[in-house]
Amino acid sequence: MSLDAFNEADREAAIAMLRPCLDIDRWCEQVADARPYGSVDELVAWAETAASPFTPAEVEGALAHHPRIGERPTGASAEAAMSRSEQSGVDPADAEVAAGLAAGNRAYEERFGRVFLIRAAGRSSREILDALTERLGHTPEEEDPVVADQLRQIAVLRLKGLVA
């Protein structure tokens, strides 16, 4: 979709376009309501501003839509397609890393009560596993802002792809 098409869409359509990027009502509404944007850079800058900070409830709600790392979602939704693309660097044929990710995901969920979230795009399986291992050592107070930042990064990456 072009930036012009996004700028010209009615409010509800614009919000619906944004939802696969980040399913947080407040963020979608703020980004849609700040239109028109003069450039993609202006749109991205505002999206980052609207994402800072996320409330804990917003983060938890958004995480409900994210699959575990290494478990690519099926389905035809825009969000599923974005997630599959973002996880393309995760090699399911690498049994050692796949087992490490599965075990790490379980440990993370037990420790923090939510899925492990990382901007997977541009990262290898090993880099993701290393980050997961490191983040398992965080306290909840250390991990919460990391998760919010990863969510922001994913939203901005998806938004750039949407209006490219």
N, C-alpha and C. Protein backbone atom coordinates (compact mmCIF):
# COMPACT_ATOMS: atom_id res chain seq x y z
N MET A 1 0.84 -1.17 0.00
CA MET A 1 0.00 0.00 0.00
C MET A 1 0.89 1.24 0.00
N SER A 2 0.44 2.27 -0.69
CA SER A 2 1.21 3.51 -0.72
C SER A 2 0.85 4.37 0.49
N LEU A 3 1.73 5.31 0.79
CA LEU A 3 1.48 6.26 1.87
C LEU A 3 0.24 7.08 1.54
N ASP A 4 0.07 7.46 0.28
CA ASP A 4 -1.12 8.22 -0.11
C ASP A 4 -2.40 7.43 0.17
N ALA A 5 -2.40 6.15 -0.15
CA ALA A 5 -3.59 5.32 0.10
C ALA A 5 -3.88 5.25 1.60
N PHE A 6 -2.85 5.12 2.41
CA PHE A 6 -3.03 5.10 3.86
C PHE A 6 -3.57 6.43 4.34
N ASN A 7 -3.00 7.53 3.86
CA ASN A 7 -3.45 8.86 4.25
C ASN A 7 -4.91 9.10 3.87
N GLU A 8 -5.34 8.57 2.73
CA GLU A 8 -6.68 8.84 2.20
C GLU A 8 -7.75 7.88 2.71
N ALA A 9 -7.36 6.79 3.33
CA ALA A 9 -8.33 5.82 3.84
C ALA A 9 -9.17 6.45 4.95
N ASP A 10 -10.41 5.97 5.09
CA ASP A 10 -11.21 6.47 6.22
C ASP A 10 -10.60 5.91 7.51
N ARG A 11 -10.99 6.49 8.63
CA ARG A 11 -10.37 6.17 9.92
C ARG A 11 -10.43 4.69 10.23
N GLU A 12 -11.60 4.08 10.10
CA GLU A 12 -11.74 2.66 10.44
C GLU A 12 -10.89 1.78 9.53
N ALA A 13 -10.81 2.12 8.25
CA ALA A 13 -9.98 1.36 7.32
C ALA A 13 -8.51 1.51 7.67
N ALA A 14 -8.10 2.72 8.05
CA ALA A 14 -6.70 2.95 8.43
C ALA A 14 -6.34 2.16 9.68
N ILE A 15 -7.24 2.15 10.65
CA ILE A 15 -7.00 1.38 11.87
C ILE A 15 -6.89 -0.10 11.53
N ALA A 16 -7.76 -0.59 10.67
CA ALA A 16 -7.71 -2.00 10.26
C ALA A 16 -6.41 -2.32 9.54
N MET A 17 -5.88 -1.38 8.77
CA MET A 17 -4.60 -1.60 8.08
C MET A 17 -3.46 -1.70 9.09
N LEU A 18 -3.55 -0.95 10.16
CA LEU A 18 -2.48 -0.91 11.17
C LEU A 18 -2.49 -2.11 12.11
N ARG A 19 -3.66 -2.68 12.34
CA ARG A 19 -3.81 -3.72 13.36
C ARG A 19 -2.84 -4.90 13.18
N PRO A 20 -2.57 -5.40 11.94
CA PRO A 20 -1.60 -6.50 11.82
C PRO A 20 -0.17 -6.09 12.23
N CYS A 21 0.11 -4.80 12.19
CA CYS A 21 1.43 -4.33 12.63
C CYS A 21 1.56 -4.41 14.14
N LEU A 22 0.47 -4.05 14.82
CA LEU A 22 0.46 -4.05 16.29
C LEU A 22 -0.97 -3.95 16.76
N ASP A 23 -1.45 -4.98 17.40
CA ASP A 23 -2.84 -5.02 17.83
C ASP A 23 -3.02 -4.36 19.20
N ILE A 24 -2.80 -3.06 19.21
CA ILE A 24 -3.04 -2.24 20.40
C ILE A 24 -3.92 -1.09 19.94
N ASP A 25 -5.15 -1.05 20.45
CA ASP A 25 -6.12 -0.06 19.99
C ASP A 25 -5.57 1.36 20.05
N ARG A 26 -5.03 1.75 21.19
CA ARG A 26 -4.55 3.13 21.36
C ARG A 26 -3.52 3.49 20.30
N TRP A 27 -2.57 2.59 20.05
CA TRP A 27 -1.52 2.86 19.06
C TRP A 27 -2.13 3.00 17.67
N CYS A 28 -2.99 2.07 17.29
CA CYS A 28 -3.63 2.13 15.96
C CYS A 28 -4.40 3.43 15.80
N GLU A 29 -5.14 3.81 16.81
CA GLU A 29 -5.94 5.03 16.74
C GLU A 29 -5.06 6.28 16.66
N GLN A 30 -4.01 6.34 17.47
CA GLN A 30 -3.14 7.52 17.45
C GLN A 30 -2.42 7.65 16.12
N VAL A 31 -1.97 6.55 15.56
CA VAL A 31 -1.27 6.60 14.27
C VAL A 31 -2.25 6.99 13.17
N ALA A 32 -3.44 6.42 13.19
CA ALA A 32 -4.44 6.75 12.17
C ALA A 32 -4.90 8.21 12.31
N ASP A 33 -5.08 8.67 13.52
CA ASP A 33 -5.61 10.02 13.74
C ASP A 33 -4.60 11.12 13.45
N ALA A 34 -3.33 10.80 13.36
CA ALA A 34 -2.30 11.82 13.08
C ALA A 34 -2.10 12.04 11.59
N ARG A 35 -2.85 11.33 10.75
CA ARG A 35 -2.73 11.51 9.31
C ARG A 35 -3.20 12.91 8.92
N PRO A 36 -2.75 13.45 7.82
CA PRO A 36 -1.88 12.82 6.82
C PRO A 36 -0.40 12.98 7.18
N TYR A 37 0.37 12.04 6.70
CA TYR A 37 1.83 12.06 6.87
C TYR A 37 2.46 12.52 5.57
N GLY A 38 3.50 13.32 5.68
CA GLY A 38 4.19 13.83 4.50
C GLY A 38 5.20 12.87 3.93
N SER A 39 5.61 11.88 4.75
CA SER A 39 6.59 10.90 4.29
C SER A 39 6.49 9.66 5.16
N VAL A 40 7.08 8.59 4.66
CA VAL A 40 7.13 7.35 5.45
C VAL A 40 7.93 7.60 6.72
N ASP A 41 9.00 8.37 6.63
CA ASP A 41 9.81 8.67 7.82
C ASP A 41 8.99 9.38 8.88
N GLU A 42 8.12 10.30 8.46
CA GLU A 42 7.25 11.01 9.40
C GLU A 42 6.26 10.04 10.05
N LEU A 43 5.70 9.15 9.26
CA LEU A 43 4.79 8.12 9.78
C LEU A 43 5.50 7.23 10.79
N VAL A 44 6.68 6.77 10.46
CA VAL A 44 7.43 5.88 11.35
C VAL A 44 7.81 6.61 12.65
N ALA A 45 8.23 7.86 12.53
CA ALA A 45 8.58 8.63 13.73
C ALA A 45 7.38 8.78 14.66
N TRP A 46 6.20 9.06 14.08
CA TRP A 46 5.01 9.19 14.92
C TRP A 46 4.63 7.84 15.52
N ALA A 47 4.75 6.76 14.75
CA ALA A 47 4.43 5.43 15.26
C ALA A 47 5.32 5.08 16.44
N GLU A 48 6.59 5.43 16.37
CA GLU A 48 7.50 5.18 17.48
C GLU A 48 7.11 6.01 18.70
N THR A 49 6.73 7.26 18.47
CA THR A 49 6.29 8.12 19.58
C THR A 49 5.04 7.56 20.24
N ALA A 50 4.08 7.13 19.43
CA ALA A 50 2.82 6.58 19.96
C ALA A 50 3.06 5.28 20.73
N ALA A 51 4.17 4.61 20.44
CA ALA A 51 4.48 3.34 21.09
C ALA A 51 5.30 3.52 22.36
N SER A 52 5.52 4.74 22.77
CA SER A 52 6.38 4.97 23.93
C SER A 52 5.65 5.80 24.98
N PRO A 53 5.33 5.27 26.08
CA PRO A 53 5.50 3.87 26.44
C PRO A 53 4.21 3.08 26.21
N PHE A 54 4.36 1.78 26.16
CA PHE A 54 3.22 0.88 26.20
C PHE A 54 2.91 0.61 27.66
N THR A 55 1.65 0.43 27.96
CA THR A 55 1.29 0.02 29.32
C THR A 55 1.51 -1.49 29.42
N PRO A 56 1.68 -2.00 30.63
CA PRO A 56 1.81 -3.46 30.78
C PRO A 56 0.62 -4.21 30.18
N ALA A 57 -0.59 -3.68 30.33
CA ALA A 57 -1.77 -4.34 29.77
C ALA A 57 -1.72 -4.36 28.25
N GLU A 58 -1.23 -3.29 27.63
CA GLU A 58 -1.11 -3.25 26.17
C GLU A 58 -0.10 -4.29 25.69
N VAL A 59 1.01 -4.40 26.38
CA VAL A 59 2.03 -5.39 26.00
C VAL A 59 1.45 -6.79 26.11
N GLU A 60 0.81 -7.08 27.22
CA GLU A 60 0.26 -8.43 27.41
C GLU A 60 -0.80 -8.75 26.35
N GLY A 61 -1.65 -7.79 26.02
CA GLY A 61 -2.66 -8.00 24.99
C GLY A 61 -2.04 -8.25 23.63
N ALA A 62 -1.03 -7.48 23.29
CA ALA A 62 -0.36 -7.64 21.99
C ALA A 62 0.38 -8.97 21.90
N LEU A 63 0.93 -9.43 23.00
CA LEU A 63 1.67 -10.69 22.99
C LEU A 63 0.77 -11.89 22.72
N ALA A 64 -0.51 -11.74 22.98
CA ALA A 64 -1.44 -12.84 22.73
C ALA A 64 -1.48 -13.22 21.25
N HIS A 65 -1.04 -12.32 20.38
CA HIS A 65 -1.08 -12.56 18.94
C HIS A 65 0.25 -13.03 18.36
N HIS A 66 1.26 -13.12 19.19
CA HIS A 66 2.58 -13.49 18.69
C HIS A 66 2.86 -14.97 18.95
N PRO A 67 3.31 -15.68 17.92
CA PRO A 67 3.64 -17.10 18.11
C PRO A 67 4.97 -17.25 18.84
N ARG A 68 5.21 -18.43 19.34
CA ARG A 68 6.52 -18.72 19.91
C ARG A 68 7.56 -18.66 18.80
N ILE A 69 8.75 -18.22 19.15
CA ILE A 69 9.86 -18.24 18.20
C ILE A 69 10.12 -19.69 17.83
N GLY A 70 10.22 -19.94 16.53
CA GLY A 70 10.44 -21.28 16.04
C GLY A 70 9.16 -22.00 15.66
N GLU A 71 8.02 -21.43 16.03
CA GLU A 71 6.72 -22.00 15.67
C GLU A 71 6.03 -21.03 14.73
N ARG A 72 6.23 -21.22 13.44
CA ARG A 72 5.66 -20.30 12.47
C ARG A 72 4.15 -20.50 12.39
N PRO A 73 3.42 -19.39 12.42
CA PRO A 73 1.97 -19.52 12.37
C PRO A 73 1.48 -19.93 10.99
N THR A 74 0.37 -20.62 10.99
CA THR A 74 -0.29 -20.95 9.74
C THR A 74 -1.42 -19.95 9.57
N GLY A 75 -2.09 -20.00 8.45
CA GLY A 75 -3.21 -19.11 8.23
C GLY A 75 -2.89 -18.06 7.20
N ALA A 76 -3.93 -17.39 6.75
CA ALA A 76 -3.80 -16.44 5.66
C ALA A 76 -3.87 -14.99 6.12
N SER A 77 -3.91 -14.75 7.43
CA SER A 77 -4.01 -13.37 7.90
C SER A 77 -2.72 -12.61 7.60
N ALA A 78 -2.85 -11.29 7.53
CA ALA A 78 -1.68 -10.44 7.29
C ALA A 78 -0.67 -10.60 8.42
N GLU A 79 -1.16 -10.70 9.64
CA GLU A 79 -0.26 -10.85 10.78
C GLU A 79 0.52 -12.16 10.72
N ALA A 80 -0.14 -13.26 10.33
CA ALA A 80 0.54 -14.55 10.20
C ALA A 80 1.60 -14.49 9.11
N ALA A 81 1.27 -13.87 7.99
CA ALA A 81 2.24 -13.75 6.89
C ALA A 81 3.44 -12.92 7.33
N MET A 82 3.21 -11.83 8.06
CA MET A 82 4.32 -11.00 8.54
C MET A 82 5.20 -11.81 9.49
N SER A 83 4.60 -12.56 10.38
CA SER A 83 5.35 -13.35 11.34
C SER A 83 6.19 -14.42 10.65
N ARG A 84 5.60 -15.09 9.66
CA ARG A 84 6.37 -16.10 8.92
C ARG A 84 7.58 -15.47 8.25
N SER A 85 7.39 -14.32 7.65
CA SER A 85 8.49 -13.63 6.99
C SER A 85 9.57 -13.22 7.99
N GLU A 86 9.15 -12.70 9.13
CA GLU A 86 10.09 -12.24 10.15
C GLU A 86 10.91 -13.39 10.72
N GLN A 87 10.33 -14.58 10.79
CA GLN A 87 11.03 -15.72 11.36
C GLN A 87 11.77 -16.54 10.30
N SER A 88 11.92 -16.00 9.13
CA SER A 88 12.56 -16.76 8.05
C SER A 88 14.00 -17.13 8.37
N GLY A 89 14.65 -16.41 9.27
CA GLY A 89 16.01 -16.73 9.66
C GLY A 89 16.12 -17.87 10.64
N VAL A 90 14.98 -18.31 11.19
CA VAL A 90 14.98 -19.43 12.14
C VAL A 90 14.93 -20.72 11.32
N ASP A 91 16.02 -21.47 11.40
CA ASP A 91 16.17 -22.69 10.60
C ASP A 91 15.62 -23.90 11.35
N PRO A 92 14.43 -24.40 10.95
CA PRO A 92 13.86 -25.55 11.65
C PRO A 92 14.67 -26.83 11.46
N ALA A 93 15.57 -26.85 10.45
CA ALA A 93 16.39 -28.04 10.20
C ALA A 93 17.55 -28.15 11.18
N ASP A 94 17.89 -27.08 11.89
CA ASP A 94 18.96 -27.11 12.87
C ASP A 94 18.38 -27.66 14.17
N ALA A 95 18.48 -28.97 14.34
CA ALA A 95 17.83 -29.65 15.46
C ALA A 95 18.32 -29.14 16.81
N GLU A 96 19.61 -28.85 16.91
CA GLU A 96 20.16 -28.38 18.19
C GLU A 96 19.54 -27.03 18.58
N VAL A 97 19.50 -26.10 17.64
CA VAL A 97 18.94 -24.78 17.94
C VAL A 97 17.43 -24.89 18.15
N ALA A 98 16.75 -25.69 17.34
CA ALA A 98 15.30 -25.88 17.50
C ALA A 98 14.98 -26.41 18.89
N ALA A 99 15.75 -27.38 19.36
CA ALA A 99 15.54 -27.92 20.70
C ALA A 99 15.83 -26.87 21.76
N GLY A 100 16.88 -26.08 21.55
CA GLY A 100 17.21 -25.00 22.48
C GLY A 100 16.13 -23.94 22.54
N LEU A 101 15.58 -23.60 21.38
CA LEU A 101 14.49 -22.62 21.35
C LEU A 101 13.24 -23.16 22.05
N ALA A 102 12.91 -24.42 21.81
CA ALA A 102 11.74 -25.01 22.44
C ALA A 102 11.90 -25.03 23.96
N ALA A 103 13.07 -25.46 24.43
CA ALA A 103 13.32 -25.49 25.87
C ALA A 103 13.35 -24.08 26.45
N GLY A 104 13.99 -23.17 25.73
CA GLY A 104 14.05 -21.78 26.18
C GLY A 104 12.68 -21.12 26.23
N ASN A 105 11.86 -21.39 25.22
CA ASN A 105 10.50 -20.85 25.22
C ASN A 105 9.74 -21.33 26.46
N ARG A 106 9.84 -22.63 26.76
CA ARG A 106 9.14 -23.17 27.94
C ARG A 106 9.65 -22.50 29.22
N ALA A 107 10.97 -22.38 29.34
CA ALA A 107 11.56 -21.77 30.54
C ALA A 107 11.15 -20.29 30.66
N TYR A 108 11.13 -19.60 29.55
CA TYR A 108 10.76 -18.18 29.55
C TYR A 108 9.30 -18.03 29.99
N GLU A 109 8.43 -18.87 29.43
CA GLU A 109 7.01 -18.79 29.78
C GLU A 109 6.78 -19.12 31.25
N GLU A 110 7.53 -20.08 31.77
CA GLU A 110 7.42 -20.40 33.19
C GLU A 110 7.90 -19.24 34.05
N ARG A 111 8.99 -18.61 33.64
CA ARG A 111 9.59 -17.52 34.42
C ARG A 111 8.77 -16.24 34.35
N PHE A 112 8.30 -15.88 33.15
CA PHE A 112 7.67 -14.57 32.96
C PHE A 112 6.17 -14.63 32.68
N GLY A 113 5.61 -15.80 32.44
CA GLY A 113 4.18 -15.93 32.22
C GLY A 113 3.69 -15.40 30.88
N ARG A 114 4.56 -15.35 29.89
CA ARG A 114 4.20 -14.87 28.55
C ARG A 114 5.19 -15.44 27.55
N VAL A 115 4.85 -15.33 26.26
CA VAL A 115 5.75 -15.82 25.22
C VAL A 115 6.99 -14.94 25.14
N PHE A 116 8.08 -15.55 24.74
CA PHE A 116 9.32 -14.82 24.49
C PHE A 116 9.14 -14.04 23.20
N LEU A 117 9.38 -12.75 23.24
CA LEU A 117 9.22 -11.89 22.07
C LEU A 117 10.55 -11.26 21.71
N ILE A 118 10.87 -11.37 20.43
CA ILE A 118 12.09 -10.74 19.91
C ILE A 118 11.83 -10.37 18.46
N ARG A 119 12.42 -9.26 18.05
CA ARG A 119 12.36 -8.92 16.63
C ARG A 119 13.25 -9.93 15.93
N ALA A 120 12.64 -10.91 15.29
CA ALA A 120 13.39 -12.00 14.67
C ALA A 120 13.96 -11.60 13.31
N ALA A 121 13.33 -10.65 12.64
CA ALA A 121 13.79 -10.24 11.31
C ALA A 121 15.24 -9.79 11.37
N GLY A 122 16.04 -10.36 10.47
CA GLY A 122 17.46 -10.00 10.41
C GLY A 122 18.34 -10.72 11.40
N ARG A 123 17.78 -11.62 12.17
CA ARG A 123 18.57 -12.36 13.16
C ARG A 123 18.59 -13.84 12.77
N SER A 124 19.72 -14.48 13.05
CA SER A 124 19.84 -15.91 12.81
C SER A 124 19.24 -16.68 13.97
N SER A 125 19.04 -17.97 13.77
CA SER A 125 18.54 -18.84 14.84
C SER A 125 19.44 -18.77 16.05
N ARG A 126 20.73 -18.79 15.83
CA ARG A 126 21.71 -18.77 16.93
C ARG A 126 21.62 -17.44 17.70
N GLU A 127 21.50 -16.32 16.98
CA GLU A 127 21.39 -15.02 17.65
C GLU A 127 20.13 -14.96 18.52
N ILE A 128 19.04 -15.51 18.01
CA ILE A 128 17.79 -15.52 18.76
C ILE A 128 17.93 -16.39 20.00
N LEU A 129 18.53 -17.56 19.85
CA LEU A 129 18.72 -18.45 20.99
C LEU A 129 19.63 -17.80 22.03
N ASP A 130 20.70 -17.14 21.58
CA ASP A 130 21.60 -16.45 22.51
C ASP A 130 20.86 -15.35 23.28
N ALA A 131 20.01 -14.59 22.59
CA ALA A 131 19.25 -13.53 23.26
C ALA A 131 18.26 -14.13 24.25
N LEU A 132 17.62 -15.22 23.87
CA LEU A 132 16.68 -15.90 24.77
C LEU A 132 17.40 -16.36 26.03
N THR A 133 18.55 -16.97 25.85
CA THR A 133 19.33 -17.46 27.00
C THR A 133 19.72 -16.30 27.91
N GLU A 134 20.17 -15.20 27.32
CA GLU A 134 20.56 -14.03 28.12
C GLU A 134 19.36 -13.46 28.87
N ARG A 135 18.24 -13.33 28.18
CA ARG A 135 17.07 -12.70 28.79
C ARG A 135 16.44 -13.57 29.87
N LEU A 136 16.68 -14.86 29.85
CA LEU A 136 16.20 -15.72 30.95
C LEU A 136 16.83 -15.32 32.28
N GLY A 137 17.97 -14.65 32.24
CA GLY A 137 18.63 -14.19 33.45
C GLY A 137 18.11 -12.86 33.97
N HIS A 138 17.21 -12.22 33.23
CA HIS A 138 16.66 -10.94 33.66
C HIS A 138 15.65 -11.11 34.79
N THR A 139 15.52 -10.07 35.56
CA THR A 139 14.41 -9.98 36.50
C THR A 139 13.20 -9.47 35.70
N PRO A 140 12.00 -9.62 36.22
CA PRO A 140 10.85 -9.05 35.52
C PRO A 140 11.00 -7.54 35.27
N GLU A 141 11.58 -6.84 36.22
CA GLU A 141 11.78 -5.40 36.07
C GLU A 141 12.76 -5.08 34.94
N GLU A 142 13.72 -5.94 34.71
CA GLU A 142 14.67 -5.76 33.60
C GLU A 142 14.05 -6.18 32.27
N GLU A 143 13.24 -7.23 32.31
CA GLU A 143 12.70 -7.80 31.08
C GLU A 143 11.54 -6.99 30.50
N ASP A 144 10.70 -6.41 31.34
CA ASP A 144 9.52 -5.70 30.84
C ASP A 144 9.85 -4.62 29.81
N PRO A 145 10.83 -3.73 30.05
CA PRO A 145 11.13 -2.73 29.03
C PRO A 145 11.76 -3.33 27.78
N VAL A 146 12.45 -4.45 27.90
CA VAL A 146 13.03 -5.12 26.73
C VAL A 146 11.91 -5.64 25.84
N VAL A 147 10.90 -6.24 26.45
CA VAL A 147 9.76 -6.76 25.69
C VAL A 147 9.04 -5.63 24.99
N ALA A 148 8.80 -4.53 25.69
CA ALA A 148 8.11 -3.38 25.07
C ALA A 148 8.93 -2.84 23.89
N ASP A 149 10.25 -2.78 24.04
CA ASP A 149 11.09 -2.30 22.95
C ASP A 149 11.05 -3.26 21.76
N GLN A 150 11.07 -4.55 22.01
CA GLN A 150 10.98 -5.52 20.92
C GLN A 150 9.64 -5.40 20.20
N LEU A 151 8.58 -5.19 20.95
CA LEU A 151 7.25 -5.01 20.36
C LEU A 151 7.23 -3.77 19.48
N ARG A 152 7.83 -2.69 19.94
CA ARG A 152 7.95 -1.45 19.16
C ARG A 152 8.71 -1.70 17.87
N GLN A 153 9.83 -2.39 17.98
CA GLN A 153 10.65 -2.68 16.79
C GLN A 153 9.87 -3.50 15.76
N ILE A 154 9.13 -4.48 16.22
CA ILE A 154 8.33 -5.32 15.32
C ILE A 154 7.25 -4.47 14.65
N ALA A 155 6.57 -3.63 15.43
CA ALA A 155 5.50 -2.79 14.87
C ALA A 155 6.04 -1.85 13.80
N VAL A 156 7.17 -1.23 14.07
CA VAL A 156 7.75 -0.28 13.10
C VAL A 156 8.22 -1.01 11.85
N LEU A 157 8.83 -2.16 12.02
CA LEU A 157 9.27 -2.95 10.88
C LEU A 157 8.08 -3.34 10.00
N ARG A 158 7.01 -3.79 10.64
CA ARG A 158 5.81 -4.16 9.90
C ARG A 158 5.18 -2.94 9.21
N LEU A 159 5.16 -1.82 9.91
CA LEU A 159 4.60 -0.60 9.33
C LEU A 159 5.38 -0.18 8.09
N LYS A 160 6.69 -0.21 8.18
CA LYS A 160 7.52 0.12 7.00
C LYS A 160 7.20 -0.79 5.84
N GLY A 161 7.02 -2.07 6.11
CA GLY A 161 6.67 -3.01 5.04
C GLY A 161 5.28 -2.74 4.49
N LEU A 162 4.39 -2.27 5.32
CA LEU A 162 3.02 -2.01 4.89
C LEU A 162 2.94 -0.84 3.92
N VAL A 163 3.72 0.19 4.15
CA VAL A 163 3.63 1.39 3.32
C VAL A 163 4.82 1.55 2.37
N ALA A 164 5.57 0.50 2.19
CA ALA A 164 6.74 0.56 1.30
C ALA A 164 6.30 0.69 -0.15
